Full PDB file with SEQRES, HELIX, SHEET, SSBOND, CRYST1, ORIGX, SCALE, CONECT and MASTER records, all heavy atoms in Angstrom:
SEQRES   1 A   34  ASP PRO ASN LEU PHE ASN PHE CYS ARG GLY LEU ASN SER          
SEQRES   2 A   34  LEU ASP ARG TRP ILE VAL MET CYS GLU PHE ARG ALA MET          
SEQRES   3 A   34  THR MET HIS TRP LEU SER MET ARG                              
HELIX    1 AA1 PRO A    2  LEU A    4  5                                   3    
HELIX    2 AA2 ASN A    6  ARG A    9  1                                   4    
HELIX    3 AA3 SER A   13  MET A   20  1                                   8    
CRYST1    1.000    1.000    1.000  90.00  90.00  90.00 P 1           1          
ORIGX1      1.000000  0.000000  0.000000        0.00000                         
ORIGX2      0.000000  1.000000  0.000000        0.00000                         
ORIGX3      0.000000  0.000000  1.000000        0.00000                         
SCALE1      1.000000  0.000000  0.000000        0.00000                         
SCALE2      0.000000  1.000000  0.000000        0.00000                         
SCALE3      0.000000  0.000000  1.000000        0.00000                         
ATOM      1  N   ASP A   1     -12.605 -36.562 -40.182  1.00  0.00           N  
ATOM      2  CA  ASP A   1     -13.479 -37.737 -40.131  1.00  0.00           C  
ATOM      3  C   ASP A   1     -14.893 -37.312 -40.497  1.00  0.00           C  
ATOM      4  O   ASP A   1     -15.631 -36.792 -39.655  1.00  0.00           O  
ATOM      5  CB  ASP A   1     -13.456 -38.368 -38.737  1.00  0.00           C  
ATOM      6  CG  ASP A   1     -14.278 -39.653 -38.676  1.00  0.00           C  
ATOM      7  OD1 ASP A   1     -14.923 -39.989 -39.686  1.00  0.00           O  
ATOM      8  OD2 ASP A   1     -14.273 -40.294 -37.613  1.00  0.00           O  
ATOM      9  N   PRO A   2     -15.293 -37.499 -41.751  1.00  0.00           N  
ATOM     10  CA  PRO A   2     -16.624 -37.056 -42.167  1.00  0.00           C  
ATOM     11  C   PRO A   2     -17.753 -37.783 -41.447  1.00  0.00           C  
ATOM     12  O   PRO A   2     -18.875 -37.273 -41.368  1.00  0.00           O  
ATOM     13  CB  PRO A   2     -16.644 -37.343 -43.669  1.00  0.00           C  
ATOM     14  CG  PRO A   2     -15.626 -38.411 -43.866  1.00  0.00           C  
ATOM     15  CD  PRO A   2     -14.555 -38.141 -42.855  1.00  0.00           C  
ATOM     16  N   ASN A   3     -17.460 -38.961 -40.914  1.00  0.00           N  
ATOM     17  CA  ASN A   3     -18.509 -39.740 -40.274  1.00  0.00           C  
ATOM     18  C   ASN A   3     -18.959 -39.170 -38.930  1.00  0.00           C  
ATOM     19  O   ASN A   3     -19.918 -39.656 -38.334  1.00  0.00           O  
ATOM     20  CB  ASN A   3     -18.041 -41.188 -40.096  1.00  0.00           C  
ATOM     21  CG  ASN A   3     -17.789 -41.858 -41.438  1.00  0.00           C  
ATOM     22  OD1 ASN A   3     -18.572 -41.701 -42.371  1.00  0.00           O  
ATOM     23  ND2 ASN A   3     -16.682 -42.575 -41.546  1.00  0.00           N  
ATOM     24  N   LEU A   4     -18.271 -38.130 -38.456  1.00  0.00           N  
ATOM     25  CA  LEU A   4     -18.672 -37.486 -37.212  1.00  0.00           C  
ATOM     26  C   LEU A   4     -19.852 -36.535 -37.405  1.00  0.00           C  
ATOM     27  O   LEU A   4     -20.427 -36.063 -36.423  1.00  0.00           O  
ATOM     28  CB  LEU A   4     -17.493 -36.704 -36.624  1.00  0.00           C  
ATOM     29  CG  LEU A   4     -16.276 -37.521 -36.178  1.00  0.00           C  
ATOM     30  CD1 LEU A   4     -15.171 -36.574 -35.715  1.00  0.00           C  
ATOM     31  CD2 LEU A   4     -16.656 -38.487 -35.069  1.00  0.00           C  
ATOM     32  N   PHE A   5     -20.221 -36.273 -38.651  1.00  0.00           N  
ATOM     33  CA  PHE A   5     -21.215 -35.249 -38.936  1.00  0.00           C  
ATOM     34  C   PHE A   5     -22.484 -35.853 -39.515  1.00  0.00           C  
ATOM     35  O   PHE A   5     -22.433 -36.648 -40.461  1.00  0.00           O  
ATOM     36  CB  PHE A   5     -20.629 -34.220 -39.915  1.00  0.00           C  
ATOM     37  CG  PHE A   5     -19.372 -33.583 -39.388  1.00  0.00           C  
ATOM     38  CD1 PHE A   5     -18.127 -34.138 -39.671  1.00  0.00           C  
ATOM     39  CD2 PHE A   5     -19.445 -32.460 -38.600  1.00  0.00           C  
ATOM     40  CE1 PHE A   5     -16.978 -33.566 -39.178  1.00  0.00           C  
ATOM     41  CE2 PHE A   5     -18.287 -31.881 -38.096  1.00  0.00           C  
ATOM     42  CZ  PHE A   5     -17.062 -32.437 -38.375  1.00  0.00           C  
ATOM     43  N   ASN A   6     -23.610 -35.473 -38.941  1.00  0.00           N  
ATOM     44  CA  ASN A   6     -24.901 -36.004 -39.389  1.00  0.00           C  
ATOM     45  C   ASN A   6     -25.124 -35.756 -40.874  1.00  0.00           C  
ATOM     46  O   ASN A   6     -25.656 -36.622 -41.581  1.00  0.00           O  
ATOM     47  CB  ASN A   6     -26.041 -35.383 -38.583  1.00  0.00           C  
ATOM     48  CG  ASN A   6     -26.066 -35.859 -37.149  1.00  0.00           C  
ATOM     49  OD1 ASN A   6     -25.633 -36.980 -36.851  1.00  0.00           O  
ATOM     50  ND2 ASN A   6     -26.572 -35.031 -36.251  1.00  0.00           N  
ATOM     51  N   PHE A   7     -24.712 -34.576 -41.359  1.00  0.00           N  
ATOM     52  CA  PHE A   7     -24.920 -34.244 -42.767  1.00  0.00           C  
ATOM     53  C   PHE A   7     -24.236 -35.248 -43.680  1.00  0.00           C  
ATOM     54  O   PHE A   7     -24.750 -35.578 -44.760  1.00  0.00           O  
ATOM     55  CB  PHE A   7     -24.407 -32.835 -43.047  1.00  0.00           C  
ATOM     56  CG  PHE A   7     -24.473 -32.435 -44.501  1.00  0.00           C  
ATOM     57  CD1 PHE A   7     -25.696 -32.197 -45.124  1.00  0.00           C  
ATOM     58  CD2 PHE A   7     -23.317 -32.287 -45.251  1.00  0.00           C  
ATOM     59  CE1 PHE A   7     -25.758 -31.827 -46.461  1.00  0.00           C  
ATOM     60  CE2 PHE A   7     -23.365 -31.918 -46.585  1.00  0.00           C  
ATOM     61  CZ  PHE A   7     -24.590 -31.694 -47.190  1.00  0.00           C  
ATOM     62  N   CYS A   8     -23.084 -35.768 -43.262  1.00  0.00           N  
ATOM     63  CA  CYS A   8     -22.296 -36.661 -44.110  1.00  0.00           C  
ATOM     64  C   CYS A   8     -22.787 -38.104 -44.085  1.00  0.00           C  
ATOM     65  O   CYS A   8     -22.517 -38.868 -45.024  1.00  0.00           O  
ATOM     66  CB  CYS A   8     -20.829 -36.634 -43.683  1.00  0.00           C  
ATOM     67  SG  CYS A   8     -20.004 -35.057 -43.968  1.00  0.00           S  
ATOM     68  N   ARG A   9     -23.472 -38.485 -43.031  1.00  0.00           N  
ATOM     69  CA  ARG A   9     -23.778 -39.907 -42.854  1.00  0.00           C  
ATOM     70  C   ARG A   9     -24.707 -40.457 -43.922  1.00  0.00           C  
ATOM     71  O   ARG A   9     -24.687 -41.652 -44.202  1.00  0.00           O  
ATOM     72  CB  ARG A   9     -24.372 -40.129 -41.460  1.00  0.00           C  
ATOM     73  CG  ARG A   9     -23.320 -39.975 -40.368  1.00  0.00           C  
ATOM     74  CD  ARG A   9     -23.899 -40.099 -38.989  1.00  0.00           C  
ATOM     75  NE  ARG A   9     -22.892 -39.796 -37.975  1.00  0.00           N  
ATOM     76  CZ  ARG A   9     -23.143 -39.289 -36.798  1.00  0.00           C  
ATOM     77  NH1 ARG A   9     -24.404 -39.015 -36.463  1.00  0.00           N  
ATOM     78  NH2 ARG A   9     -22.174 -39.047 -35.944  1.00  0.00           N  
ATOM     79  N   GLY A  10     -25.485 -39.604 -44.536  1.00  0.00           N  
ATOM     80  CA  GLY A  10     -26.386 -40.077 -45.578  1.00  0.00           C  
ATOM     81  C   GLY A  10     -25.805 -39.983 -46.973  1.00  0.00           C  
ATOM     82  O   GLY A  10     -26.488 -40.291 -47.959  1.00  0.00           O  
ATOM     83  N   LEU A  11     -24.520 -39.585 -47.065  1.00  0.00           N  
ATOM     84  CA  LEU A  11     -23.882 -39.408 -48.361  1.00  0.00           C  
ATOM     85  C   LEU A  11     -23.028 -40.619 -48.713  1.00  0.00           C  
ATOM     86  O   LEU A  11     -22.588 -41.359 -47.833  1.00  0.00           O  
ATOM     87  CB  LEU A  11     -22.987 -38.154 -48.335  1.00  0.00           C  
ATOM     88  CG  LEU A  11     -23.668 -36.832 -47.985  1.00  0.00           C  
ATOM     89  CD1 LEU A  11     -22.628 -35.724 -47.890  1.00  0.00           C  
ATOM     90  CD2 LEU A  11     -24.745 -36.468 -48.993  1.00  0.00           C  
ATOM     91  N   ASN A  12     -22.770 -40.795 -50.000  1.00  0.00           N  
ATOM     92  CA  ASN A  12     -21.867 -41.882 -50.392  1.00  0.00           C  
ATOM     93  C   ASN A  12     -20.435 -41.539 -50.000  1.00  0.00           C  
ATOM     94  O   ASN A  12     -20.123 -40.398 -49.626  1.00  0.00           O  
ATOM     95  CB  ASN A  12     -21.996 -42.194 -51.886  1.00  0.00           C  
ATOM     96  CG  ASN A  12     -21.547 -41.029 -52.765  1.00  0.00           C  
ATOM     97  OD1 ASN A  12     -20.449 -40.510 -52.618  1.00  0.00           O  
ATOM     98  ND2 ASN A  12     -22.420 -40.622 -53.702  1.00  0.00           N  
ATOM     99  N   SER A  13     -19.538 -42.492 -50.091  1.00  0.00           N  
ATOM    100  CA  SER A  13     -18.172 -42.315 -49.599  1.00  0.00           C  
ATOM    101  C   SER A  13     -17.447 -41.153 -50.279  1.00  0.00           C  
ATOM    102  O   SER A  13     -16.765 -40.357 -49.622  1.00  0.00           O  
ATOM    103  CB  SER A  13     -17.378 -43.606 -49.791  1.00  0.00           C  
ATOM    104  OG  SER A  13     -17.886 -44.638 -48.983  1.00  0.00           O  
ATOM    105  N   LEU A  14     -17.590 -41.064 -51.603  1.00  0.00           N  
ATOM    106  CA  LEU A  14     -16.900 -40.009 -52.327  1.00  0.00           C  
ATOM    107  C   LEU A  14     -17.408 -38.634 -51.906  1.00  0.00           C  
ATOM    108  O   LEU A  14     -16.627 -37.710 -51.660  1.00  0.00           O  
ATOM    109  CB  LEU A  14     -17.066 -40.200 -53.831  1.00  0.00           C  
ATOM    110  CG  LEU A  14     -16.368 -39.168 -54.722  1.00  0.00           C  
ATOM    111  CD1 LEU A  14     -14.865 -39.141 -54.442  1.00  0.00           C  
ATOM    112  CD2 LEU A  14     -16.629 -39.480 -56.196  1.00  0.00           C  
ATOM    113  N   ASP A  15     -18.728 -38.490 -51.805  1.00  0.00           N  
ATOM    114  CA  ASP A  15     -19.301 -37.207 -51.398  1.00  0.00           C  
ATOM    115  C   ASP A  15     -18.859 -36.817 -49.992  1.00  0.00           C  
ATOM    116  O   ASP A  15     -18.639 -35.634 -49.708  1.00  0.00           O  
ATOM    117  CB  ASP A  15     -20.833 -37.265 -51.464  1.00  0.00           C  
ATOM    118  CG  ASP A  15     -21.373 -37.055 -52.864  1.00  0.00           C  
ATOM    119  OD1 ASP A  15     -20.586 -36.675 -53.750  1.00  0.00           O  
ATOM    120  OD2 ASP A  15     -22.582 -37.274 -53.076  1.00  0.00           O  
ATOM    121  N   ARG A  16     -18.712 -37.785 -49.105  1.00  0.00           N  
ATOM    122  CA  ARG A  16     -18.276 -37.465 -47.743  1.00  0.00           C  
ATOM    123  C   ARG A  16     -16.900 -36.829 -47.752  1.00  0.00           C  
ATOM    124  O   ARG A  16     -16.633 -35.881 -47.008  1.00  0.00           O  
ATOM    125  CB  ARG A  16     -18.285 -38.727 -46.875  1.00  0.00           C  
ATOM    126  CG  ARG A  16     -19.674 -39.226 -46.517  1.00  0.00           C  
ATOM    127  CD  ARG A  16     -19.668 -40.142 -45.305  1.00  0.00           C  
ATOM    128  NE  ARG A  16     -18.883 -41.348 -45.492  1.00  0.00           N  
ATOM    129  CZ  ARG A  16     -19.354 -42.473 -46.034  1.00  0.00           C  
ATOM    130  NH1 ARG A  16     -20.610 -42.525 -46.449  1.00  0.00           N  
ATOM    131  NH2 ARG A  16     -18.576 -43.537 -46.162  1.00  0.00           N  
ATOM    132  N   TRP A  17     -16.010 -37.334 -48.592  1.00  0.00           N  
ATOM    133  CA  TRP A  17     -14.666 -36.762 -48.660  1.00  0.00           C  
ATOM    134  C   TRP A  17     -14.652 -35.432 -49.401  1.00  0.00           C  
ATOM    135  O   TRP A  17     -13.856 -34.541 -49.079  1.00  0.00           O  
ATOM    136  CB  TRP A  17     -13.697 -37.759 -49.286  1.00  0.00           C  
ATOM    137  CG  TRP A  17     -13.476 -38.932 -48.387  1.00  0.00           C  
ATOM    138  CD1 TRP A  17     -13.861 -40.226 -48.588  1.00  0.00           C  
ATOM    139  CD2 TRP A  17     -12.862 -38.902 -47.093  1.00  0.00           C  
ATOM    140  NE1 TRP A  17     -13.519 -41.016 -47.514  1.00  0.00           N  
ATOM    141  CE2 TRP A  17     -12.905 -40.227 -46.570  1.00  0.00           C  
ATOM    142  CE3 TRP A  17     -12.275 -37.909 -46.313  1.00  0.00           C  
ATOM    143  CZ2 TRP A  17     -12.381 -40.566 -45.326  1.00  0.00           C  
ATOM    144  CZ3 TRP A  17     -11.758 -38.242 -45.078  1.00  0.00           C  
ATOM    145  CH2 TRP A  17     -11.813 -39.551 -44.591  1.00  0.00           C  
ATOM    146  N   ILE A  18     -15.518 -35.264 -50.380  1.00  0.00           N  
ATOM    147  CA  ILE A  18     -15.618 -33.976 -51.069  1.00  0.00           C  
ATOM    148  C   ILE A  18     -16.110 -32.904 -50.105  1.00  0.00           C  
ATOM    149  O   ILE A  18     -15.653 -31.754 -50.144  1.00  0.00           O  
ATOM    150  CB  ILE A  18     -16.537 -34.093 -52.310  1.00  0.00           C  
ATOM    151  CG1 ILE A  18     -15.850 -34.930 -53.389  1.00  0.00           C  
ATOM    152  CG2 ILE A  18     -16.892 -32.711 -52.859  1.00  0.00           C  
ATOM    153  CD1 ILE A  18     -16.706 -35.203 -54.601  1.00  0.00           C  
ATOM    154  N   VAL A  19     -17.020 -33.267 -49.204  1.00  0.00           N  
ATOM    155  CA  VAL A  19     -17.497 -32.323 -48.196  1.00  0.00           C  
ATOM    156  C   VAL A  19     -16.343 -31.815 -47.327  1.00  0.00           C  
ATOM    157  O   VAL A  19     -16.233 -30.628 -47.022  1.00  0.00           O  
ATOM    158  CB  VAL A  19     -18.583 -32.976 -47.310  1.00  0.00           C  
ATOM    159  CG1 VAL A  19     -18.832 -32.148 -46.055  1.00  0.00           C  
ATOM    160  CG2 VAL A  19     -19.879 -33.145 -48.089  1.00  0.00           C  
ATOM    161  N   MET A  20     -15.452 -32.704 -46.944  1.00  0.00           N  
ATOM    162  CA  MET A  20     -14.355 -32.355 -46.039  1.00  0.00           C  
ATOM    163  C   MET A  20     -13.191 -31.653 -46.734  1.00  0.00           C  
ATOM    164  O   MET A  20     -12.377 -30.999 -46.097  1.00  0.00           O  
ATOM    165  CB  MET A  20     -13.808 -33.624 -45.370  1.00  0.00           C  
ATOM    166  CG  MET A  20     -14.754 -34.311 -44.412  1.00  0.00           C  
ATOM    167  SD  MET A  20     -14.953 -33.406 -42.841  1.00  0.00           S  
ATOM    168  CE  MET A  20     -16.620 -32.744 -43.080  1.00  0.00           C  
ATOM    169  N   CYS A  21     -13.099 -31.782 -48.050  1.00  0.00           N  
ATOM    170  CA  CYS A  21     -11.933 -31.285 -48.786  1.00  0.00           C  
ATOM    171  C   CYS A  21     -11.808 -29.761 -48.687  1.00  0.00           C  
ATOM    172  O   CYS A  21     -12.798 -29.039 -48.808  1.00  0.00           O  
ATOM    173  CB  CYS A  21     -12.051 -31.699 -50.257  1.00  0.00           C  
ATOM    174  SG  CYS A  21     -10.645 -31.220 -51.267  1.00  0.00           S  
ATOM    175  N   GLU A  22     -10.569 -29.282 -48.476  1.00  0.00           N  
ATOM    176  CA  GLU A  22     -10.312 -27.847 -48.470  1.00  0.00           C  
ATOM    177  C   GLU A  22      -9.593 -27.396 -49.745  1.00  0.00           C  
ATOM    178  O   GLU A  22      -9.161 -26.249 -49.853  1.00  0.00           O  
ATOM    179  CB  GLU A  22      -9.530 -27.448 -47.216  1.00  0.00           C  
ATOM    180  CG  GLU A  22     -10.369 -27.626 -45.960  1.00  0.00           C  
ATOM    181  CD  GLU A  22      -9.696 -27.119 -44.689  1.00  0.00           C  
ATOM    182  OE1 GLU A  22      -8.556 -26.598 -44.762  1.00  0.00           O  
ATOM    183  OE2 GLU A  22     -10.309 -27.263 -43.610  1.00  0.00           O  
ATOM    184  N   PHE A  23      -9.441 -28.317 -50.710  1.00  0.00           N  
ATOM    185  CA  PHE A  23      -8.940 -28.001 -52.045  1.00  0.00           C  
ATOM    186  C   PHE A  23      -7.625 -27.214 -51.998  1.00  0.00           C  
ATOM    187  O   PHE A  23      -7.480 -26.164 -52.614  1.00  0.00           O  
ATOM    188  CB  PHE A  23     -10.006 -27.245 -52.851  1.00  0.00           C  
ATOM    189  CG  PHE A  23     -11.217 -28.078 -53.162  1.00  0.00           C  
ATOM    190  CD1 PHE A  23     -12.323 -28.071 -52.318  1.00  0.00           C  
ATOM    191  CD2 PHE A  23     -11.252 -28.906 -54.273  1.00  0.00           C  
ATOM    192  CE1 PHE A  23     -13.434 -28.857 -52.589  1.00  0.00           C  
ATOM    193  CE2 PHE A  23     -12.357 -29.697 -54.544  1.00  0.00           C  
ATOM    194  CZ  PHE A  23     -13.446 -29.672 -53.703  1.00  0.00           C  
ATOM    195  N   ARG A  24      -6.660 -27.738 -51.283  1.00  0.00           N  
ATOM    196  CA  ARG A  24      -5.368 -27.082 -51.133  1.00  0.00           C  
ATOM    197  C   ARG A  24      -4.365 -27.615 -52.140  1.00  0.00           C  
ATOM    198  O   ARG A  24      -4.454 -28.757 -52.578  1.00  0.00           O  
ATOM    199  CB  ARG A  24      -4.853 -27.264 -49.709  1.00  0.00           C  
ATOM    200  CG  ARG A  24      -5.780 -26.616 -48.674  1.00  0.00           C  
ATOM    201  CD  ARG A  24      -5.215 -26.715 -47.285  1.00  0.00           C  
ATOM    202  NE  ARG A  24      -6.103 -26.099 -46.308  1.00  0.00           N  
ATOM    203  CZ  ARG A  24      -6.112 -24.805 -46.016  1.00  0.00           C  
ATOM    204  NH1 ARG A  24      -5.275 -23.985 -46.636  1.00  0.00           N  
ATOM    205  NH2 ARG A  24      -6.946 -24.315 -45.116  1.00  0.00           N  
ATOM    206  N   ALA A  25      -3.381 -26.780 -52.469  1.00  0.00           N  
ATOM    207  CA  ALA A  25      -2.369 -27.144 -53.469  1.00  0.00           C  
ATOM    208  C   ALA A  25      -1.399 -28.187 -52.939  1.00  0.00           C  
ATOM    209  O   ALA A  25      -0.799 -28.932 -53.718  1.00  0.00           O  
ATOM    210  CB  ALA A  25      -1.609 -25.901 -53.908  1.00  0.00           C  
ATOM    211  N   MET A  26      -1.219 -28.238 -51.626  1.00  0.00           N  
ATOM    212  CA  MET A  26      -0.328 -29.198 -50.993  1.00  0.00           C  
ATOM    213  C   MET A  26      -0.703 -29.250 -49.513  1.00  0.00           C  
ATOM    214  O   MET A  26      -1.587 -28.518 -49.062  1.00  0.00           O  
ATOM    215  CB  MET A  26       1.135 -28.769 -51.156  1.00  0.00           C  
ATOM    216  CG  MET A  26       1.459 -27.438 -50.519  1.00  0.00           C  
ATOM    217  SD  MET A  26       3.191 -26.950 -50.696  1.00  0.00           S  
ATOM    218  CE  MET A  26       4.002 -28.197 -49.707  1.00  0.00           C  
ATOM    219  N   THR A  27      -0.054 -30.137 -48.759  1.00  0.00           N  
ATOM    220  CA  THR A  27      -0.292 -30.171 -47.328  1.00  0.00           C  
ATOM    221  C   THR A  27       0.219 -28.869 -46.722  1.00  0.00           C  
ATOM    222  O   THR A  27       1.399 -28.538 -46.829  1.00  0.00           O  
ATOM    223  CB  THR A  27       0.436 -31.361 -46.672  1.00  0.00           C  
ATOM    224  OG1 THR A  27      -0.017 -32.565 -47.287  1.00  0.00           O  
ATOM    225  CG2 THR A  27       0.136 -31.414 -45.177  1.00  0.00           C  
ATOM    226  N   MET A  28      -0.684 -28.129 -46.090  1.00  0.00           N  
ATOM    227  CA  MET A  28      -0.346 -26.802 -45.594  1.00  0.00           C  
ATOM    228  C   MET A  28       0.081 -26.857 -44.133  1.00  0.00           C  
ATOM    229  O   MET A  28      -0.168 -27.834 -43.423  1.00  0.00           O  
ATOM    230  CB  MET A  28      -1.540 -25.867 -45.751  1.00  0.00           C  
ATOM    231  CG  MET A  28      -1.948 -25.621 -47.201  1.00  0.00           C  
ATOM    232  SD  MET A  28      -0.665 -24.814 -48.184  1.00  0.00           S  
ATOM    233  CE  MET A  28      -0.615 -23.204 -47.386  1.00  0.00           C  
ATOM    234  N   HIS A  29       0.703 -25.757 -43.691  1.00  0.00           N  
ATOM    235  CA  HIS A  29       1.025 -25.622 -42.279  1.00  0.00           C  
ATOM    236  C   HIS A  29       0.937 -24.153 -41.872  1.00  0.00           C  
ATOM    237  O   HIS A  29       0.919 -23.250 -42.715  1.00  0.00           O  
ATOM    238  CB  HIS A  29       2.406 -26.195 -41.962  1.00  0.00           C  
ATOM    239  CG  HIS A  29       3.537 -25.415 -42.554  1.00  0.00           C  
ATOM    240  ND1 HIS A  29       4.025 -25.658 -43.814  1.00  0.00           N  
ATOM    241  CD2 HIS A  29       4.278 -24.393 -42.051  1.00  0.00           C  
ATOM    242  CE1 HIS A  29       5.009 -24.829 -44.071  1.00  0.00           C  
ATOM    243  NE2 HIS A  29       5.185 -24.044 -43.027  1.00  0.00           N  
ATOM    244  N   TRP A  30       0.844 -23.957 -40.574  1.00  0.00           N  
ATOM    245  CA  TRP A  30       0.761 -22.622 -39.989  1.00  0.00           C  
ATOM    246  C   TRP A  30       1.833 -22.488 -38.917  1.00  0.00           C  
ATOM    247  O   TRP A  30       2.287 -23.483 -38.347  1.00  0.00           O  
ATOM    248  CB  TRP A  30      -0.602 -22.392 -39.339  1.00  0.00           C  
ATOM    249  CG  TRP A  30      -1.767 -22.496 -40.254  1.00  0.00           C  
ATOM    250  CD1 TRP A  30      -2.453 -21.472 -40.849  1.00  0.00           C  
ATOM    251  CD2 TRP A  30      -2.449 -23.701 -40.679  1.00  0.00           C  
ATOM    252  NE1 TRP A  30      -3.490 -21.944 -41.608  1.00  0.00           N  
ATOM    253  CE2 TRP A  30      -3.507 -23.315 -41.525  1.00  0.00           C  
ATOM    254  CE3 TRP A  30      -2.251 -25.060 -40.409  1.00  0.00           C  
ATOM    255  CZ2 TRP A  30      -4.370 -24.241 -42.100  1.00  0.00           C  
ATOM    256  CZ3 TRP A  30      -3.108 -25.980 -40.992  1.00  0.00           C  
ATOM    257  CH2 TRP A  30      -4.158 -25.574 -41.836  1.00  0.00           C  
ATOM    258  N   LEU A  31       2.197 -21.258 -38.610  1.00  0.00           N  
ATOM    259  CA  LEU A  31       3.012 -20.959 -37.449  1.00  0.00           C  
ATOM    260  C   LEU A  31       2.153 -20.212 -36.438  1.00  0.00           C  
ATOM    261  O   LEU A  31       1.522 -19.200 -36.772  1.00  0.00           O  
ATOM    262  CB  LEU A  31       4.228 -20.105 -37.825  1.00  0.00           C  
ATOM    263  CG  LEU A  31       5.262 -20.744 -38.763  1.00  0.00           C  
ATOM    264  CD1 LEU A  31       6.401 -19.756 -39.013  1.00  0.00           C  
ATOM    265  CD2 LEU A  31       5.791 -22.053 -38.202  1.00  0.00           C  
ATOM    266  N   SER A  32       2.112 -20.742 -35.236  1.00  0.00           N  
ATOM    267  CA  SER A  32       1.467 -20.057 -34.121  1.00  0.00           C  
ATOM    268  C   SER A  32       2.587 -19.520 -33.245  1.00  0.00           C  
ATOM    269  O   SER A  32       3.339 -20.289 -32.635  1.00  0.00           O  
ATOM    270  CB  SER A  32       0.578 -21.029 -33.339  1.00  0.00           C  
ATOM    271  OG  SER A  32       0.044 -20.393 -32.182  1.00  0.00           O  
ATOM    272  N   MET A  33       2.714 -18.199 -33.201  1.00  0.00           N  
ATOM    273  CA  MET A  33       3.849 -17.568 -32.536  1.00  0.00           C  
ATOM    274  C   MET A  33       3.357 -16.765 -31.332  1.00  0.00           C  
ATOM    275  O   MET A  33       2.671 -15.748 -31.478  1.00  0.00           O  
ATOM    276  CB  MET A  33       4.614 -16.696 -33.530  1.00  0.00           C  
ATOM    277  CG  MET A  33       5.045 -17.487 -34.772  1.00  0.00           C  
ATOM    278  SD  MET A  33       6.290 -16.685 -35.815  1.00  0.00           S  
ATOM    279  CE  MET A  33       5.306 -15.384 -36.570  1.00  0.00           C  
ATOM    280  N   ARG A  34       3.694 -17.252 -30.139  1.00  0.00           N  
ATOM    281  CA  ARG A  34       3.229 -16.669 -28.879  1.00  0.00           C  
ATOM    282  C   ARG A  34       4.291 -15.741 -28.294  1.00  0.00           C  
ATOM    283  O   ARG A  34       5.441 -16.134 -28.150  1.00  0.00           O  
ATOM    284  CB  ARG A  34       2.912 -17.789 -27.870  1.00  0.00           C  
ATOM    285  CG  ARG A  34       1.760 -18.676 -28.309  1.00  0.00           C  
ATOM    286  CD  ARG A  34       1.598 -19.888 -27.412  1.00  0.00           C  
ATOM    287  NE  ARG A  34       2.608 -20.905 -27.677  1.00  0.00           N  
ATOM    288  CZ  ARG A  34       3.548 -21.282 -26.826  1.00  0.00           C  
ATOM    289  NH1 ARG A  34       3.620 -20.741 -25.625  1.00  0.00           N  
ATOM    290  NH2 ARG A  34       4.419 -22.226 -27.150  1.00  0.00           N  
TER     291      ARG A  34                                                      
MASTER        0    0    0    3    0    0    0    6  290    1    0    3          
END                                                                             
């Protein structure tokens, strides 16, 4: 949610999502193994 961050609130909608983007090839996942 980019709107949670002060830096994003003054940006246009597209820029807010570009700020948050992690530029991944697909939806990623991790394994947390305890």
